[in-house]
Each structure stands twice: as C-alpha cells, then as structure tokens.
Amino acid sequence: MVNVLSSGIWTGANVDASQFSGLQTKRLAWGAVADDVKSAYVVKGCSTQVAVDGVPSVIGSFKHYNRVIPMPPYPMFTAELTVTVA
C-alpha cells in the first residue's frame, strides 16, 4: 500500500470564461442566478492508501449539481480539469 494525495482544479472552458465562476478552483459553476443555486461541477481529491497491485482505488470524487437555471449564452461547453496525483 502507498499513500496517494489527489486534487483537481477547473482550468478552462471552450466558451467565454465570464459565463463561469470558479475557474482555477475545485467548483466550476454557471448560470445567471445566485452562486448557491448555479449548476456546477465539483471535484474533490483526497488522501488515501491504495494497493500497488492494480486493484482499482477511489482517489477522489466528481459531482454534478444540475440546477434549474436560465439558459446560458453557450448551453454546451467543454470544461478542462487538471488533476494532480502524488
């Protein structure tokens, strides 16, 4: 077993960045509403022990908060996520 530390941040999108809040953080949100009710992607890293024999291990989580929001100017987009694992 080895200790693994993981983290992730949203580093970009292929549409106007002003449509989003949270670039360069773990929570990327969008929608012309209050921040706490925006749709969002949230990535969480963790510190955990993993086996080195190829057994799959959970090293973080990804959540999508699908809220009812006004249609954004670019309803389809690609988001870039940078994941660090040490």
PDB file of N, CA and C in Angstrom:
ATOM      1  N   MET A   1       0.844  -1.178   0.000  1.00  0.00           N
ATOM      2  CA  MET A   1       0.000   0.000   0.000  1.00  0.00           C
ATOM      3  C   MET A   1       0.890   1.242   0.000  1.00  0.00           C
ATOM      4  N   VAL A   2       0.427   2.249  -0.707  1.00  0.00           N
ATOM      5  CA  VAL A   2       1.118   3.532  -0.739  1.00  0.00           C
ATOM      6  C   VAL A   2       0.094   4.642  -0.491  1.00  0.00           C
ATOM      7  N   ASN A   3       0.566   5.739   0.062  1.00  0.00           N
ATOM      8  CA  ASN A   3      -0.304   6.888   0.280  1.00  0.00           C
ATOM      9  C   ASN A   3      -0.399   7.693  -1.012  1.00  0.00           C
ATOM     10  N   VAL A   4      -1.617   8.051  -1.400  1.00  0.00           N
ATOM     11  CA  VAL A   4      -1.860   8.865  -2.593  1.00  0.00           C
ATOM     12  C   VAL A   4      -2.600  10.118  -2.165  1.00  0.00           C
ATOM     13  N   LEU A   5      -2.130  11.247  -2.670  1.00  0.00           N
ATOM     14  CA  LEU A   5      -2.770  12.536  -2.422  1.00  0.00           C
ATOM     15  C   LEU A   5      -3.214  13.073  -3.772  1.00  0.00           C
ATOM     16  N   SER A   6      -4.498  13.384  -3.913  1.00  0.00           N
ATOM     17  CA  SER A   6      -5.006  13.874  -5.188  1.00  0.00           C
ATOM     18  C   SER A   6      -5.735  15.198  -5.009  1.00  0.00           C
ATOM     19  N   SER A   7      -5.795  15.964  -6.089  1.00  0.00           N
ATOM     20  CA  SER A   7      -6.535  17.228  -6.100  1.00  0.00           C
ATOM     21  C   SER A   7      -6.893  17.546  -7.541  1.00  0.00           C
ATOM     22  N   GLY A   8      -7.833  18.452  -7.720  1.00  0.00           N
ATOM     23  CA  GLY A   8      -8.217  18.858  -9.066  1.00  0.00           C
ATOM     24  C   GLY A   8      -8.698  20.288  -9.083  1.00  0.00           C
ATOM     25  N   ILE A   9      -8.450  20.973 -10.197  1.00  0.00           N
ATOM     26  CA  ILE A   9      -8.977  22.331 -10.391  1.00  0.00           C
ATOM     27  C   ILE A   9      -9.465  22.462 -11.830  1.00  0.00           C
ATOM     28  N   TRP A  10     -10.493  23.265 -12.005  1.00  0.00           N
ATOM     29  CA  TRP A  10     -11.035  23.561 -13.322  1.00  0.00           C
ATOM     30  C   TRP A  10     -10.190  24.684 -13.926  1.00  0.00           C
ATOM     31  N   THR A  11      -9.538  24.390 -15.045  1.00  0.00           N
ATOM     32  CA  THR A  11      -8.564  25.334 -15.589  1.00  0.00           C
ATOM     33  C   THR A  11      -9.036  26.095 -16.822  1.00  0.00           C
ATOM     34  N   GLY A  12     -10.144  25.705 -17.414  1.00  0.00           N
ATOM     35  CA  GLY A  12     -10.599  26.429 -18.586  1.00  0.00           C
ATOM     36  C   GLY A  12     -11.881  25.882 -19.158  1.00  0.00           C
ATOM     37  N   ALA A  13     -12.395  26.606 -20.140  1.00  0.00           N
ATOM     38  CA  ALA A  13     -13.586  26.186 -20.869  1.00  0.00           C
ATOM     39  C   ALA A  13     -13.453  26.699 -22.300  1.00  0.00           C
ATOM     40  N   ASN A  14     -14.167  26.076 -23.211  1.00  0.00           N
ATOM     41  CA  ASN A  14     -14.030  26.452 -24.618  1.00  0.00           C
ATOM     42  C   ASN A  14     -14.991  27.568 -25.033  1.00  0.00           C
ATOM     43  N   VAL A  15     -15.677  28.185 -24.092  1.00  0.00           N
ATOM     44  CA  VAL A  15     -16.553  29.327 -24.374  1.00  0.00           C
ATOM     45  C   VAL A  15     -16.147  30.483 -23.465  1.00  0.00           C
ATOM     46  N   ASP A  16     -16.806  31.596 -23.593  1.00  0.00           N
ATOM     47  CA  ASP A  16     -16.497  32.801 -22.826  1.00  0.00           C
ATOM     48  C   ASP A  16     -16.392  32.506 -21.325  1.00  0.00           C
ATOM     49  N   ALA A  17     -15.225  32.747 -20.768  1.00  0.00           N
ATOM     50  CA  ALA A  17     -14.972  32.453 -19.347  1.00  0.00           C
ATOM     51  C   ALA A  17     -15.852  33.269 -18.412  1.00  0.00           C
ATOM     52  N   SER A  18     -16.392  34.400 -18.873  1.00  0.00           N
ATOM     53  CA  SER A  18     -17.247  35.205 -17.997  1.00  0.00           C
ATOM     54  C   SER A  18     -18.571  34.502 -17.696  1.00  0.00           C
ATOM     55  N   GLN A  19     -18.878  33.436 -18.417  1.00  0.00           N
ATOM     56  CA  GLN A  19     -20.085  32.641 -18.170  1.00  0.00           C
ATOM     57  C   GLN A  19     -19.951  31.810 -16.895  1.00  0.00           C
ATOM     58  N   PHE A  20     -18.740  31.671 -16.371  1.00  0.00           N
ATOM     59  CA  PHE A  20     -18.462  30.773 -15.251  1.00  0.00           C
ATOM     60  C   PHE A  20     -17.950  31.509 -14.026  1.00  0.00           C
ATOM     61  N   SER A  21     -18.150  30.890 -12.891  1.00  0.00           N
ATOM     62  CA  SER A  21     -17.417  31.284 -11.689  1.00  0.00           C
ATOM     63  C   SER A  21     -16.667  30.042 -11.227  1.00  0.00           C
ATOM     64  N   GLY A  22     -15.514  30.239 -10.647  1.00  0.00           N
ATOM     65  CA  GLY A  22     -14.768  29.116 -10.092  1.00  0.00           C
ATOM     66  C   GLY A  22     -13.647  28.566 -10.940  1.00  0.00           C
ATOM     67  N   LEU A  23     -13.307  29.227 -12.055  1.00  0.00           N
ATOM     68  CA  LEU A  23     -12.125  28.754 -12.767  1.00  0.00           C
ATOM     69  C   LEU A  23     -10.923  28.866 -11.832  1.00  0.00           C
ATOM     70  N   GLN A  24     -10.048  27.914 -11.898  1.00  0.00           N
ATOM     71  CA  GLN A  24      -8.871  27.794 -11.033  1.00  0.00           C
ATOM     72  C   GLN A  24      -9.239  27.365  -9.612  1.00  0.00           C
ATOM     73  N   THR A  25     -10.428  26.782  -9.438  1.00  0.00           N
ATOM     74  CA  THR A  25     -10.851  26.226  -8.146  1.00  0.00           C
ATOM     75  C   THR A  25     -11.408  24.829  -8.384  1.00  0.00           C
ATOM     76  N   LYS A  26     -11.864  24.184  -7.325  1.00  0.00           N
ATOM     77  CA  LYS A  26     -12.442  22.844  -7.442  1.00  0.00           C
ATOM     78  C   LYS A  26     -13.925  22.866  -7.817  1.00  0.00           C
ATOM     79  N   ARG A  27     -14.563  24.062  -7.847  1.00  0.00           N
ATOM     80  CA  ARG A  27     -16.001  24.163  -8.175  1.00  0.00           C
ATOM     81  C   ARG A  27     -16.199  25.119  -9.344  1.00  0.00           C
ATOM     82  N   LEU A  28     -16.635  24.563 -10.480  1.00  0.00           N
ATOM     83  CA  LEU A  28     -16.934  25.351 -11.669  1.00  0.00           C
ATOM     84  C   LEU A  28     -18.452  25.484 -11.759  1.00  0.00           C
ATOM     85  N   ALA A  29     -18.965  26.722 -11.736  1.00  0.00           N
ATOM     86  CA  ALA A  29     -20.409  26.946 -11.724  1.00  0.00           C
ATOM     87  C   ALA A  29     -20.823  27.870 -12.857  1.00  0.00           C
ATOM     88  N   TRP A  30     -22.095  27.749 -13.270  1.00  0.00           N
ATOM     89  CA  TRP A  30     -22.611  28.582 -14.346  1.00  0.00           C
ATOM     90  C   TRP A  30     -24.101  28.810 -14.131  1.00  0.00           C
ATOM     91  N   GLY A  31     -24.593  29.880 -14.751  1.00  0.00           N
ATOM     92  CA  GLY A  31     -25.999  30.257 -14.657  1.00  0.00           C
ATOM     93  C   GLY A  31     -26.130  31.683 -14.147  1.00  0.00           C
ATOM     94  N   ALA A  32     -27.111  32.408 -14.663  1.00  0.00           N
ATOM     95  CA  ALA A  32     -27.334  33.806 -14.272  1.00  0.00           C
ATOM     96  C   ALA A  32     -28.253  33.857 -13.053  1.00  0.00           C
ATOM     97  N   VAL A  33     -27.810  33.216 -11.973  1.00  0.00           N
ATOM     98  CA  VAL A  33     -28.559  33.164 -10.713  1.00  0.00           C
ATOM     99  C   VAL A  33     -27.557  33.300  -9.570  1.00  0.00           C
ATOM    100  N   ALA A  34     -28.055  33.349  -8.339  1.00  0.00           N
ATOM    101  CA  ALA A  34     -27.171  33.432  -7.171  1.00  0.00           C
ATOM    102  C   ALA A  34     -26.207  32.238  -7.164  1.00  0.00           C
ATOM    103  N   ASP A  35     -25.009  32.450  -6.668  1.00  0.00           N
ATOM    104  CA  ASP A  35     -23.956  31.433  -6.721  1.00  0.00           C
ATOM    105  C   ASP A  35     -24.365  30.115  -6.077  1.00  0.00           C
ATOM    106  N   ASP A  36     -25.145  30.157  -5.006  1.00  0.00           N
ATOM    107  CA  ASP A  36     -25.505  28.922  -4.299  1.00  0.00           C
ATOM    108  C   ASP A  36     -26.558  28.089  -5.025  1.00  0.00           C
ATOM    109  N   VAL A  37     -27.149  28.612  -6.112  1.00  0.00           N
ATOM    110  CA  VAL A  37     -28.135  27.838  -6.882  1.00  0.00           C
ATOM    111  C   VAL A  37     -27.730  27.670  -8.348  1.00  0.00           C
ATOM    112  N   LYS A  38     -26.479  27.916  -8.668  1.00  0.00           N
ATOM    113  CA  LYS A  38     -25.975  27.696 -10.023  1.00  0.00           C
ATOM    114  C   LYS A  38     -25.769  26.198 -10.250  1.00  0.00           C
ATOM    115  N   SER A  39     -25.829  25.789 -11.516  1.00  0.00           N
ATOM    116  CA  SER A  39     -25.386  24.448 -11.857  1.00  0.00           C
ATOM    117  C   SER A  39     -23.877  24.422 -11.676  1.00  0.00           C
ATOM    118  N   ALA A  40     -23.321  23.261 -11.334  1.00  0.00           N
ATOM    119  CA  ALA A  40     -21.886  23.229 -11.045  1.00  0.00           C
ATOM    120  C   ALA A  40     -21.314  21.828 -11.196  1.00  0.00           C
ATOM    121  N   TYR A  41     -20.012  21.801 -11.440  1.00  0.00           N
ATOM    122  CA  TYR A  41     -19.196  20.595 -11.346  1.00  0.00           C
ATOM    123  C   TYR A  41     -18.259  20.814 -10.165  1.00  0.00           C
ATOM    124  N   VAL A  42     -18.158  19.820  -9.297  1.00  0.00           N
ATOM    125  CA  VAL A  42     -17.252  19.909  -8.150  1.00  0.00           C
ATOM    126  C   VAL A  42     -16.383  18.657  -8.127  1.00  0.00           C
ATOM    127  N   VAL A  43     -15.084  18.864  -8.063  1.00  0.00           N
ATOM    128  CA  VAL A  43     -14.145  17.755  -7.970  1.00  0.00           C
ATOM    129  C   VAL A  43     -13.458  17.847  -6.612  1.00  0.00           C
ATOM    130  N   LYS A  44     -13.324  16.703  -5.947  1.00  0.00           N
ATOM    131  CA  LYS A  44     -12.669  16.650  -4.637  1.00  0.00           C
ATOM    132  C   LYS A  44     -11.596  15.574  -4.666  1.00  0.00           C
ATOM    133  N   GLY A  45     -10.406  15.957  -4.322  1.00  0.00           N
ATOM    134  CA  GLY A  45      -9.335  14.995  -4.166  1.00  0.00           C
ATOM    135  C   GLY A  45      -9.364  14.436  -2.755  1.00  0.00           C
ATOM    136  N   CYS A  46      -8.402  13.578  -2.445  1.00  0.00           N
ATOM    137  CA  CYS A  46      -8.335  13.025  -1.097  1.00  0.00           C
ATOM    138  C   CYS A  46      -6.933  12.492  -0.838  1.00  0.00           C
ATOM    139  N   SER A  47      -6.726  12.106   0.375  1.00  0.00           N
ATOM    140  CA  SER A  47      -5.507  11.416   0.773  1.00  0.00           C
ATOM    141  C   SER A  47      -5.934  10.024   1.212  1.00  0.00           C
ATOM    142  N   THR A  48      -5.382   9.006   0.571  1.00  0.00           N
ATOM    143  CA  THR A  48      -5.820   7.646   0.868  1.00  0.00           C
ATOM    144  C   THR A  48      -4.696   6.648   0.623  1.00  0.00           C
ATOM    145  N   GLN A  49      -4.853   5.476   1.141  1.00  0.00           N
ATOM    146  CA  GLN A  49      -3.928   4.370   0.885  1.00  0.00           C
ATOM    147  C   GLN A  49      -4.467   3.557  -0.279  1.00  0.00           C
ATOM    148  N   VAL A  50      -3.600   3.250  -1.260  1.00  0.00           N
ATOM    149  CA  VAL A  50      -4.012   2.424  -2.392  1.00  0.00           C
ATOM    150  C   VAL A  50      -3.036   1.267  -2.563  1.00  0.00           C
ATOM    151  N   ALA A  51      -3.560   0.174  -3.076  1.00  0.00           N
ATOM    152  CA  ALA A  51      -2.730  -1.001  -3.343  1.00  0.00           C
ATOM    153  C   ALA A  51      -1.917  -0.754  -4.613  1.00  0.00           C
ATOM    154  N   VAL A  52      -0.734  -1.331  -4.699  1.00  0.00           N
ATOM    155  CA  VAL A  52       0.120  -1.171  -5.876  1.00  0.00           C
ATOM    156  C   VAL A  52       0.018  -2.372  -6.819  1.00  0.00           C
ATOM    157  N   ASP A  53      -0.955  -3.239  -6.587  1.00  0.00           N
ATOM    158  CA  ASP A  53      -1.092  -4.452  -7.401  1.00  0.00           C
ATOM    159  C   ASP A  53      -2.137  -4.337  -8.506  1.00  0.00           C
ATOM    160  N   GLY A  54      -2.585  -3.134  -8.810  1.00  0.00           N
ATOM    161  CA  GLY A  54      -3.539  -2.953  -9.898  1.00  0.00           C
ATOM    162  C   GLY A  54      -4.999  -2.966  -9.492  1.00  0.00           C
ATOM    163  N   VAL A  55      -5.288  -3.139  -8.218  1.00  0.00           N
ATOM    164  CA  VAL A  55      -6.673  -3.121  -7.739  1.00  0.00           C
ATOM    165  C   VAL A  55      -7.203  -1.688  -7.849  1.00  0.00           C
ATOM    166  N   PRO A  56      -8.367  -1.483  -8.491  1.00  0.00           N
ATOM    167  CA  PRO A  56      -8.930  -0.127  -8.603  1.00  0.00           C
ATOM    168  C   PRO A  56      -9.128   0.523  -7.231  1.00  0.00           C
ATOM    169  N   SER A  57      -8.864   1.821  -7.167  1.00  0.00           N
ATOM    170  CA  SER A  57      -8.994   2.566  -5.918  1.00  0.00           C
ATOM    171  C   SER A  57      -9.687   3.898  -6.189  1.00  0.00           C
ATOM    172  N   VAL A  58     -10.453   4.366  -5.244  1.00  0.00           N
ATOM    173  CA  VAL A  58     -11.087   5.679  -5.342  1.00  0.00           C
ATOM    174  C   VAL A  58     -10.080   6.708  -4.841  1.00  0.00           C
ATOM    175  N   ILE A  59      -9.741   7.671  -5.707  1.00  0.00           N
ATOM    176  CA  ILE A  59      -8.768   8.701  -5.322  1.00  0.00           C
ATOM    177  C   ILE A  59      -9.381  10.100  -5.367  1.00  0.00           C
ATOM    178  N   GLY A  60     -10.700  10.169  -5.416  1.00  0.00           N
ATOM    179  CA  GLY A  60     -11.377  11.456  -5.431  1.00  0.00           C
ATOM    180  C   GLY A  60     -12.816  11.273  -5.864  1.00  0.00           C
ATOM    181  N   SER A  61     -13.520  12.400  -5.994  1.00  0.00           N
ATOM    182  CA  SER A  61     -14.918  12.329  -6.417  1.00  0.00           C
ATOM    183  C   SER A  61     -15.250  13.483  -7.359  1.00  0.00           C
ATOM    184  N   PHE A  62     -16.284  13.266  -8.152  1.00  0.00           N
ATOM    185  CA  PHE A  62     -16.795  14.269  -9.079  1.00  0.00           C
ATOM    186  C   PHE A  62     -18.302  14.338  -8.885  1.00  0.00           C
ATOM    187  N   LYS A  63     -18.829  15.546  -8.697  1.00  0.00           N
ATOM    188  CA  LYS A  63     -20.274  15.735  -8.554  1.00  0.00           C
ATOM    189  C   LYS A  63     -20.751  16.769  -9.568  1.00  0.00           C
ATOM    190  N   HIS A  64     -21.950  16.530 -10.094  1.00  0.00           N
ATOM    191  CA  HIS A  64     -22.602  17.488 -10.986  1.00  0.00           C
ATOM    192  C   HIS A  64     -23.882  17.941 -10.301  1.00  0.00           C
ATOM    193  N   TYR A  65     -23.987  19.241 -10.045  1.00  0.00           N
ATOM    194  CA  TYR A  65     -25.192  19.830  -9.472  1.00  0.00           C
ATOM    195  C   TYR A  65     -25.997  20.403 -10.634  1.00  0.00           C
ATOM    196  N   ASN A  66     -27.072  19.732 -11.000  1.00  0.00           N
ATOM    197  CA  ASN A  66     -27.878  20.096 -12.160  1.00  0.00           C
ATOM    198  C   ASN A  66     -29.086  20.905 -11.685  1.00  0.00           C
ATOM    199  N   ARG A  67     -28.934  22.205 -11.616  1.00  0.00           N
ATOM    200  CA  ARG A  67     -29.983  23.094 -11.126  1.00  0.00           C
ATOM    201  C   ARG A  67     -30.789  23.677 -12.282  1.00  0.00           C
ATOM    202  N   VAL A  68     -31.997  24.114 -11.982  1.00  0.00           N
ATOM    203  CA  VAL A  68     -32.815  24.812 -12.965  1.00  0.00           C
ATOM    204  C   VAL A  68     -32.316  26.249 -13.018  1.00  0.00           C
ATOM    205  N   ILE A  69     -31.754  26.632 -14.167  1.00  0.00           N
ATOM    206  CA  ILE A  69     -31.188  27.969 -14.358  1.00  0.00           C
ATOM    207  C   ILE A  69     -31.651  28.515 -15.697  1.00  0.00           C
ATOM    208  N   PRO A  70     -31.604  29.838 -15.899  1.00  0.00           N
ATOM    209  CA  PRO A  70     -31.882  30.374 -17.230  1.00  0.00           C
ATOM    210  C   PRO A  70     -30.854  29.826 -18.222  1.00  0.00           C
ATOM    211  N   MET A  71     -31.262  29.628 -19.447  1.00  0.00           N
ATOM    212  CA  MET A  71     -30.367  29.085 -20.465  1.00  0.00           C
ATOM    213  C   MET A  71     -29.177  30.028 -20.661  1.00  0.00           C
ATOM    214  N   PRO A  72     -27.949  29.531 -20.453  1.00  0.00           N
ATOM    215  CA  PRO A  72     -26.767  30.394 -20.637  1.00  0.00           C
ATOM    216  C   PRO A  72     -26.542  30.687 -22.122  1.00  0.00           C
ATOM    217  N   PRO A  73     -25.715  31.706 -22.428  1.00  0.00           N
ATOM    218  CA  PRO A  73     -25.443  32.060 -23.827  1.00  0.00           C
ATOM    219  C   PRO A  73     -24.860  30.891 -24.629  1.00  0.00           C
ATOM    220  N   TYR A  74     -24.060  30.061 -23.979  1.00  0.00           N
ATOM    221  CA  TYR A  74     -23.469  28.891 -24.625  1.00  0.00           C
ATOM    222  C   TYR A  74     -23.898  27.662 -23.824  1.00  0.00           C
ATOM    223  N   PRO A  75     -25.039  27.046 -24.174  1.00  0.00           N
ATOM    224  CA  PRO A  75     -25.552  25.950 -23.352  1.00  0.00           C
ATOM    225  C   PRO A  75     -24.703  24.686 -23.399  1.00  0.00           C
ATOM    226  N   MET A  76     -23.854  24.552 -24.416  1.00  0.00           N
ATOM    227  CA  MET A  76     -22.958  23.401 -24.491  1.00  0.00           C
ATOM    228  C   MET A  76     -21.521  23.899 -24.428  1.00  0.00           C
ATOM    229  N   PHE A  77     -20.712  23.256 -23.605  1.00  0.00           N
ATOM    230  CA  PHE A  77     -19.324  23.685 -23.464  1.00  0.00           C
ATOM    231  C   PHE A  77     -18.463  22.505 -23.058  1.00  0.00           C
ATOM    232  N   THR A  78     -17.187  22.684 -23.215  1.00  0.00           N
ATOM    233  CA  THR A  78     -16.198  21.727 -22.747  1.00  0.00           C
ATOM    234  C   THR A  78     -15.423  22.398 -21.618  1.00  0.00           C
ATOM    235  N   ALA A  79     -15.288  21.702 -20.505  1.00  0.00           N
ATOM    236  CA  ALA A  79     -14.534  22.229 -19.366  1.00  0.00           C
ATOM    237  C   ALA A  79     -13.252  21.427 -19.212  1.00  0.00           C
ATOM    238  N   GLU A  80     -12.176  22.119 -18.867  1.00  0.00           N
ATOM    239  CA  GLU A  80     -10.879  21.470 -18.681  1.00  0.00           C
ATOM    240  C   GLU A  80     -10.599  21.316 -17.205  1.00  0.00           C
ATOM    241  N   LEU A  81     -10.270  20.093 -16.824  1.00  0.00           N
ATOM    242  CA  LEU A  81      -9.977  19.756 -15.432  1.00  0.00           C
ATOM    243  C   LEU A  81      -8.528  19.273 -15.347  1.00  0.00           C
ATOM    244  N   THR A  82      -7.750  19.862 -14.456  1.00  0.00           N
ATOM    245  CA  THR A  82      -6.389  19.400 -14.210  1.00  0.00           C
ATOM    246  C   THR A  82      -6.387  18.626 -12.895  1.00  0.00           C
ATOM    247  N   VAL A  83      -5.947  17.368 -12.967  1.00  0.00           N
ATOM    248  CA  VAL A  83      -5.900  16.502 -11.802  1.00  0.00           C
ATOM    249  C   VAL A  83      -4.442  16.238 -11.453  1.00  0.00           C
ATOM    250  N   THR A  84      -4.117  16.377 -10.171  1.00  0.00           N
ATOM    251  CA  THR A  84      -2.769  16.093  -9.682  1.00  0.00           C
ATOM    252  C   THR A  84      -2.842  14.907  -8.733  1.00  0.00           C
ATOM    253  N   VAL A  85      -1.988  13.926  -8.973  1.00  0.00           N
ATOM    254  CA  VAL A  85      -1.917  12.737  -8.117  1.00  0.00           C
ATOM    255  C   VAL A  85      -0.466  12.554  -7.734  1.00  0.00           C
ATOM    256  N   ALA A  86      -0.204  12.493  -6.439  1.00  0.00           N
ATOM    257  CA  ALA A  86       1.165  12.294  -5.951  1.00  0.00           C
ATOM    258  C   ALA A  86       1.199  11.125  -4.982  1.00  0.00           C
TER     259      ALA A  86
END
